[in-house]
Amino acid sequence: MAETLLGNGDRAYEYYWQINSAAKNDQAERYEIEPYVYAQNVFFDEHPQAGLGRNSWLSGTASWCHQAATQWIIGIRPTYAGLRVAPCIASEWEGFSVSRRFRGAIYNITVSRGDVPGPTMTVDGELVGGDVVAPAPAGTTVEVQMVLPEAG
């Protein structure tokens, strides 16, 4: 989360992937934790049992990783003023699409890269300033497009 606040999408994604339990499927024999569960800790390279996970099902890691991925890397998080769309994605990502229910409305969000100096966002076809989409009436659908500067 801190790396996204600094604008380091590549590093944020790298750190996320290092602790992502699904990324360890090819290391299942060494990890010894169910592939769908986060471990509270994993022995580091200098330990004789490097890669071994311990204390599964006992941590809040899963909820923190979910928040890091969805609210900070993907960058869609609720605020009092509305739904913030502030992705900080890895440079290799071209973009993504996601639907999010917020206060009874559905927000279809598409993020892509383009030739823009900074992030630009349109809501239902109208250019808006900032990164917060005002709450829509319950039962409606809102189309959000965000264009991020080209990576590199």
Protein backbone atom coordinates (compact mmCIF):
# COMPACT_ATOMS: atom_id res chain seq x y z
CA MET A 1 0.00 0.00 0.00
CA ALA A 2 2.82 2.38 0.84
CA GLU A 3 4.44 1.83 -2.55
CA THR A 4 1.19 2.84 -4.30
CA LEU A 5 1.10 6.05 -2.26
CA LEU A 6 4.59 6.75 -3.60
CA GLY A 7 3.45 5.93 -7.15
CA ASN A 8 5.59 2.80 -7.44
CA GLY A 9 3.21 0.42 -9.22
CA ASP A 10 5.94 -2.00 -10.26
CA ARG A 11 7.29 -2.37 -6.74
CA ALA A 12 3.80 -2.59 -5.20
CA TYR A 13 2.90 -5.42 -7.57
CA GLU A 14 6.25 -7.15 -6.94
CA TYR A 15 5.69 -7.11 -3.18
CA TYR A 16 2.09 -8.25 -3.58
CA TRP A 17 3.13 -11.16 -5.79
CA GLN A 18 5.86 -12.22 -3.35
CA ILE A 19 3.32 -12.88 -0.60
CA ASN A 20 0.45 -14.04 -2.83
CA SER A 21 -0.33 -17.62 -1.85
CA ALA A 22 -1.50 -18.50 -5.38
CA ALA A 23 1.95 -17.57 -6.70
CA LYS A 24 3.41 -20.44 -4.69
CA ASN A 25 1.53 -23.24 -6.46
CA ASP A 26 4.72 -24.43 -8.17
CA GLN A 27 6.43 -24.54 -4.76
CA ALA A 28 3.71 -26.53 -2.96
CA GLU A 29 6.07 -29.27 -1.76
CA ARG A 30 8.29 -26.72 -0.04
CA TYR A 31 5.60 -24.23 1.04
CA GLU A 32 3.47 -26.93 2.77
CA ILE A 33 0.48 -24.58 3.11
CA GLU A 34 -2.74 -24.91 1.18
CA PRO A 35 -2.35 -22.92 -2.07
CA TYR A 36 -5.45 -20.82 -1.32
CA VAL A 37 -4.34 -19.76 2.18
CA TYR A 38 -1.89 -17.09 3.27
CA ALA A 39 0.76 -17.99 5.80
CA GLN A 40 1.56 -15.76 8.74
CA ASN A 41 5.24 -16.14 7.82
CA VAL A 42 7.49 -17.89 5.30
CA PHE A 43 11.06 -18.89 6.08
CA PHE A 44 13.58 -16.80 4.13
CA ASP A 45 16.47 -18.01 1.95
CA GLU A 46 19.04 -18.22 4.76
CA HIS A 47 16.89 -20.62 6.81
CA PRO A 48 17.47 -24.37 6.34
CA GLN A 49 13.74 -24.75 5.54
CA ALA A 50 13.56 -21.78 3.14
CA GLY A 51 10.16 -21.36 1.52
CA LEU A 52 8.28 -23.20 4.26
CA GLY A 53 5.10 -21.42 5.28
CA ARG A 54 3.88 -21.42 8.86
CA ASN A 55 0.74 -20.47 10.81
CA SER A 56 -1.85 -20.66 8.07
CA TRP A 57 -5.40 -19.55 8.81
CA LEU A 58 -4.17 -17.52 11.80
CA SER A 59 -3.46 -14.13 10.34
CA GLY A 60 -5.20 -11.13 8.90
CA THR A 61 -2.91 -11.35 5.89
CA ALA A 62 -5.68 -12.37 3.49
CA SER A 63 -7.77 -9.30 4.24
CA TRP A 64 -4.76 -6.97 4.02
CA CYS A 65 -3.67 -8.52 0.71
CA HIS A 66 -7.20 -8.17 -0.64
CA GLN A 67 -7.22 -4.50 0.32
CA ALA A 68 -3.74 -3.95 -1.14
CA ALA A 69 -4.77 -5.52 -4.46
CA THR A 70 -8.26 -4.06 -4.87
CA GLN A 71 -8.11 -0.70 -3.13
CA TRP A 72 -4.52 0.32 -3.76
CA ILE A 73 -3.01 -1.47 -6.80
CA ILE A 74 -6.28 -1.69 -8.75
CA GLY A 75 -7.09 1.51 -6.86
CA ILE A 76 -10.86 1.35 -6.43
CA ARG A 77 -11.89 2.27 -2.92
CA PRO A 78 -14.89 3.81 -1.21
CA THR A 79 -14.72 7.26 0.34
CA TYR A 80 -17.33 9.44 1.95
CA ALA A 81 -17.39 11.69 -1.13
CA GLY A 82 -17.79 8.80 -3.58
CA LEU A 83 -15.88 5.98 -5.24
CA ARG A 84 -12.19 6.75 -5.70
CA VAL A 85 -10.58 5.37 -8.87
CA ALA A 86 -6.82 5.80 -8.42
CA PRO A 87 -4.99 2.79 -9.87
CA CYS A 88 -1.26 2.32 -9.39
CA ILE A 89 -0.61 -0.61 -11.68
CA ALA A 90 2.59 -2.24 -12.87
CA SER A 91 4.12 -0.76 -16.02
CA GLU A 92 3.60 -4.05 -17.89
CA TRP A 93 -0.18 -3.80 -17.44
CA GLU A 94 -2.06 -2.27 -20.34
CA GLY A 95 -5.16 -1.84 -18.18
CA PHE A 96 -8.14 -3.72 -16.82
CA SER A 97 -11.93 -3.67 -16.47
CA VAL A 98 -13.94 -4.29 -13.34
CA SER A 99 -17.50 -3.87 -12.08
CA ARG A 100 -17.99 -2.58 -8.54
CA ARG A 101 -21.20 -2.18 -6.56
CA PHE A 102 -21.13 0.95 -4.43
CA ARG A 103 -24.07 2.35 -2.45
CA GLY A 104 -26.53 0.36 -4.55
CA ALA A 105 -25.24 1.46 -7.97
CA ILE A 106 -23.05 -0.53 -10.36
CA TYR A 107 -19.85 1.09 -11.61
CA ASN A 108 -18.34 -0.43 -14.76
CA ILE A 109 -14.75 0.78 -14.69
CA THR A 110 -12.25 0.51 -17.52
CA VAL A 111 -8.64 1.57 -17.06
CA SER A 112 -6.31 1.82 -20.04
CA ARG A 113 -3.09 3.52 -21.04
CA GLY A 114 -2.87 6.36 -23.52
CA ASP A 115 -1.04 9.45 -24.63
CA VAL A 116 -2.03 11.65 -21.69
CA PRO A 117 0.19 13.72 -19.36
CA GLY A 118 -1.62 12.45 -16.26
CA PRO A 119 -4.61 10.32 -15.34
CA THR A 120 -7.86 11.45 -16.97
CA MET A 121 -11.30 10.16 -16.05
CA THR A 122 -14.66 10.29 -17.75
CA VAL A 123 -17.92 9.36 -16.07
CA ASP A 124 -20.79 8.49 -18.39
CA GLY A 125 -18.87 10.18 -21.20
CA GLU A 126 -18.21 13.44 -19.33
CA LEU A 127 -14.65 14.44 -18.41
CA VAL A 128 -14.33 14.97 -14.65
CA GLY A 129 -11.52 16.41 -12.60
CA GLY A 130 -9.86 14.36 -9.91
CA ASP A 131 -10.28 10.69 -9.17
CA VAL A 132 -13.56 10.48 -7.21
CA VAL A 133 -16.84 9.48 -8.85
CA ALA A 134 -19.79 11.07 -7.05
CA PRO A 135 -22.34 8.59 -5.68
CA ALA A 136 -25.03 7.62 -8.18
CA PRO A 137 -28.62 6.76 -7.28
CA ALA A 138 -29.15 3.16 -6.19
CA GLY A 139 -30.15 0.89 -9.05
CA THR A 140 -28.27 2.83 -11.74
CA THR A 141 -25.22 1.85 -13.76
CA VAL A 142 -22.28 4.23 -14.18
CA GLU A 143 -19.64 3.90 -16.91
CA VAL A 144 -16.19 5.07 -15.83
CA GLN A 145 -13.15 5.27 -18.11
CA MET A 146 -9.74 6.19 -16.78
CA VAL A 147 -6.72 6.69 -19.02
CA LEU A 148 -3.30 6.50 -17.43
CA PRO A 149 -0.10 7.79 -19.04
CA GLU A 150 1.84 5.28 -21.13
CA ALA A 151 4.24 3.23 -19.02
CA GLY A 152 7.91 3.80 -19.41
